[in-house]
Amino acid sequence: MTDQALRQIPFTDATGAQKTLDDYGSDVMLVVNVASRCGNTPQYEQLEQLQKEYGDRGFSVIGFPCNQFMGQEPGSMEQILEFCSTTYGVTFPINEKVKVNGRNAHELFKALKETTDAGGKAGRVEWNFEKFLVRADGSVQRFRPKQKPDSPEIVAAIEDALSR
């Protein structure tokens, strides 16, 4: 798959409409599989801070709820959106619930998982809140779940991507 083709993979947003990453109009996106009942759930706060800080510069966080890891996102779309809004004030897009691993993994995540992390490892998403920085040219940088969204490495990667 070409890097640019990644940005054209269709998915369904929270309202049921078909979208692609390009539809969000952002040059740089942080695609994250999210969950409401996970030890990493407080990362929503940092993701929202990134959205507020860089949103007007062509950046967006794009969330995809996932229930594949110990059932940590069991809710309906309405429940998920309510939780994100009331608990963390999330303003970035939350899309349909997807599978990120296995035979039924969403095509977007199948493509994203080809990217290696800082240690050179590609493949399975380890847990909720794995982060994929997608640049305007479709190239991807991968950050594992335990790495906080406001870590110096992620902030530097966002700033670098926005400066190109």
Protein backbone atom coordinates (compact mmCIF):
# COMPACT_ATOMS: atom_id res chain seq x y z
CA MET A 1 0.00 0.00 0.00
CA THR A 2 1.27 3.46 -0.81
CA ASP A 3 1.53 5.90 2.06
CA GLN A 4 -1.12 8.15 0.55
CA ALA A 5 -3.54 5.21 0.12
CA LEU A 6 -3.67 4.88 3.91
CA ARG A 7 -5.46 8.22 4.09
CA GLN A 8 -8.13 6.89 1.68
CA ILE A 9 -9.19 3.77 3.61
CA PRO A 10 -12.91 4.11 4.42
CA PHE A 11 -14.34 3.79 7.91
CA THR A 12 -17.58 4.78 9.62
CA ASP A 13 -17.82 7.76 11.94
CA ALA A 14 -19.96 7.95 15.09
CA THR A 15 -23.01 9.09 13.08
CA GLY A 16 -22.80 6.17 10.64
CA ALA A 17 -21.33 8.22 7.77
CA GLN A 18 -18.50 6.85 5.63
CA LYS A 19 -15.24 8.79 6.06
CA THR A 20 -11.54 8.61 5.30
CA LEU A 21 -8.70 10.29 7.18
CA ASP A 22 -8.50 12.85 4.38
CA ASP A 23 -12.12 13.85 5.08
CA TYR A 24 -11.04 15.41 8.36
CA GLY A 25 -8.99 18.01 6.50
CA SER A 26 -6.05 17.75 8.87
CA ASP A 27 -2.57 17.39 7.49
CA VAL A 28 -1.34 15.56 10.59
CA MET A 29 -3.41 13.11 12.66
CA LEU A 30 -2.85 11.04 15.74
CA VAL A 31 -4.98 7.91 15.24
CA VAL A 32 -5.65 6.17 18.57
CA ASN A 33 -7.64 3.10 19.59
CA VAL A 34 -9.43 4.25 22.74
CA ALA A 35 -11.43 2.71 25.59
CA SER A 36 -13.44 4.05 28.52
CA ARG A 37 -12.55 1.41 31.12
CA CYS A 38 -8.81 1.02 30.66
CA GLY A 39 -5.86 1.89 32.86
CA ASN A 40 -4.77 4.19 30.02
CA THR A 41 -8.16 5.97 29.82
CA PRO A 42 -6.77 9.12 31.54
CA GLN A 43 -4.77 9.63 28.32
CA TYR A 44 -7.99 11.12 26.92
CA GLU A 45 -7.10 14.26 28.88
CA GLN A 46 -3.69 14.55 27.22
CA LEU A 47 -5.13 13.73 23.80
CA GLU A 48 -7.64 16.56 24.22
CA GLN A 49 -4.83 18.92 25.25
CA LEU A 50 -2.95 18.05 22.04
CA GLN A 51 -6.15 18.70 20.09
CA LYS A 52 -6.57 22.12 21.70
CA GLU A 53 -2.91 23.06 21.32
CA TYR A 54 -2.39 22.00 17.71
CA GLY A 55 -5.91 21.81 16.24
CA ASP A 56 -5.69 25.21 14.56
CA ARG A 57 -2.38 24.25 12.93
CA GLY A 58 -3.71 21.35 10.81
CA PHE A 59 -3.64 18.60 13.45
CA SER A 60 -6.35 16.31 14.81
CA VAL A 61 -6.60 13.39 17.16
CA ILE A 62 -8.85 10.70 15.62
CA GLY A 63 -10.24 8.16 18.10
CA PHE A 64 -11.46 4.64 17.38
CA PRO A 65 -13.09 2.85 20.33
CA CYS A 66 -11.99 -0.77 20.67
CA ASN A 67 -13.40 -3.52 22.88
CA GLN A 68 -10.79 -6.17 22.04
CA PHE A 69 -8.71 -5.81 25.19
CA MET A 70 -10.48 -7.36 28.21
CA GLY A 71 -13.82 -5.77 27.23
CA GLN A 72 -12.67 -2.29 28.20
CA GLU A 73 -15.04 -0.51 25.77
CA PRO A 74 -18.38 -2.32 26.12
CA GLY A 75 -20.67 0.68 25.61
CA SER A 76 -22.81 1.76 22.69
CA MET A 77 -21.66 4.68 20.53
CA GLU A 78 -24.01 6.96 22.47
CA GLN A 79 -22.51 5.84 25.79
CA ILE A 80 -18.95 6.21 24.48
CA LEU A 81 -19.59 9.72 23.14
CA GLU A 82 -21.31 10.75 26.39
CA PHE A 83 -18.39 9.42 28.46
CA CYS A 84 -15.80 11.20 26.30
CA SER A 85 -17.70 14.48 26.39
CA THR A 86 -18.68 14.61 30.05
CA THR A 87 -15.60 12.99 31.60
CA TYR A 88 -12.81 14.45 29.46
CA GLY A 89 -14.42 17.21 27.38
CA VAL A 90 -13.31 15.48 24.18
CA THR A 91 -13.76 17.61 21.07
CA PHE A 92 -11.79 15.47 18.62
CA PRO A 93 -13.61 12.96 16.38
CA ILE A 94 -14.57 9.60 17.85
CA ASN A 95 -15.47 7.06 15.18
CA GLU A 96 -17.16 3.68 15.12
CA LYS A 97 -15.96 0.91 17.40
CA VAL A 98 -13.43 -1.25 15.54
CA LYS A 99 -11.29 -4.32 15.94
CA VAL A 100 -7.59 -3.59 15.65
CA ASN A 101 -6.16 -7.12 15.75
CA GLY A 102 -7.03 -10.49 14.28
CA ARG A 103 -8.78 -11.63 11.15
CA ASN A 104 -11.55 -9.05 11.54
CA ALA A 105 -9.26 -6.08 12.18
CA HIS A 106 -10.38 -2.91 10.42
CA GLU A 107 -8.48 -2.23 7.18
CA LEU A 108 -7.15 1.06 8.55
CA PHE A 109 -5.53 -0.70 11.50
CA LYS A 110 -4.26 -3.54 9.31
CA ALA A 111 -2.38 -0.88 7.35
CA LEU A 112 -1.25 1.09 10.41
CA LYS A 113 0.13 -2.06 12.09
CA GLU A 114 2.70 -2.42 9.30
CA THR A 115 4.50 0.53 10.89
CA THR A 116 7.32 -0.24 13.31
CA ASP A 117 7.65 1.40 16.71
CA ALA A 118 10.84 3.02 18.06
CA GLY A 119 12.21 -0.45 18.85
CA GLY A 120 11.67 -1.66 15.27
CA LYS A 121 8.65 -3.85 16.12
CA ALA A 122 5.58 -3.89 13.88
CA GLY A 123 2.51 -6.12 14.12
CA ARG A 124 -0.25 -6.41 16.68
CA VAL A 125 -1.61 -3.46 18.59
CA GLU A 126 -0.48 -4.15 22.17
CA TRP A 127 -3.40 -2.55 24.03
CA ASN A 128 -5.80 0.38 24.02
CA PHE A 129 -4.30 3.82 23.40
CA GLU A 130 -1.73 2.73 20.83
CA LYS A 131 -0.97 5.87 18.81
CA PHE A 132 -0.17 6.29 15.12
CA LEU A 133 0.98 9.71 13.90
CA VAL A 134 -0.12 10.01 10.27
CA ARG A 135 1.61 12.79 8.35
CA ALA A 136 0.26 14.70 5.35
CA ASP A 137 2.17 12.40 2.96
CA GLY A 138 0.65 9.33 4.63
CA SER A 139 3.85 8.25 6.37
CA VAL A 140 3.30 6.91 9.88
CA GLN A 141 5.12 6.94 13.20
CA ARG A 142 4.00 4.50 15.91
CA PHE A 143 3.87 4.95 19.67
CA ARG A 144 2.91 2.19 22.10
CA PRO A 145 0.06 2.47 24.65
CA LYS A 146 2.12 3.27 27.74
CA GLN A 147 3.76 6.26 26.02
CA LYS A 148 1.70 9.23 27.10
CA PRO A 149 0.34 11.56 24.40
CA ASP A 150 2.17 14.53 25.92
CA SER A 151 5.54 12.74 26.07
CA PRO A 152 8.44 14.73 24.58
CA GLU A 153 8.79 12.18 21.75
CA ILE A 154 5.18 12.48 20.61
CA VAL A 155 5.08 16.28 20.97
CA ALA A 156 8.34 16.58 18.99
CA ALA A 157 6.98 14.28 16.27
CA ILE A 158 3.77 16.36 15.99
CA GLU A 159 5.71 19.61 15.84
CA ASP A 160 8.06 18.19 13.23
CA ALA A 161 5.16 16.90 11.11
CA LEU A 162 3.38 20.28 11.30
CA SER A 163 6.50 22.18 10.29
CA ARG A 164 6.83 20.38 6.94
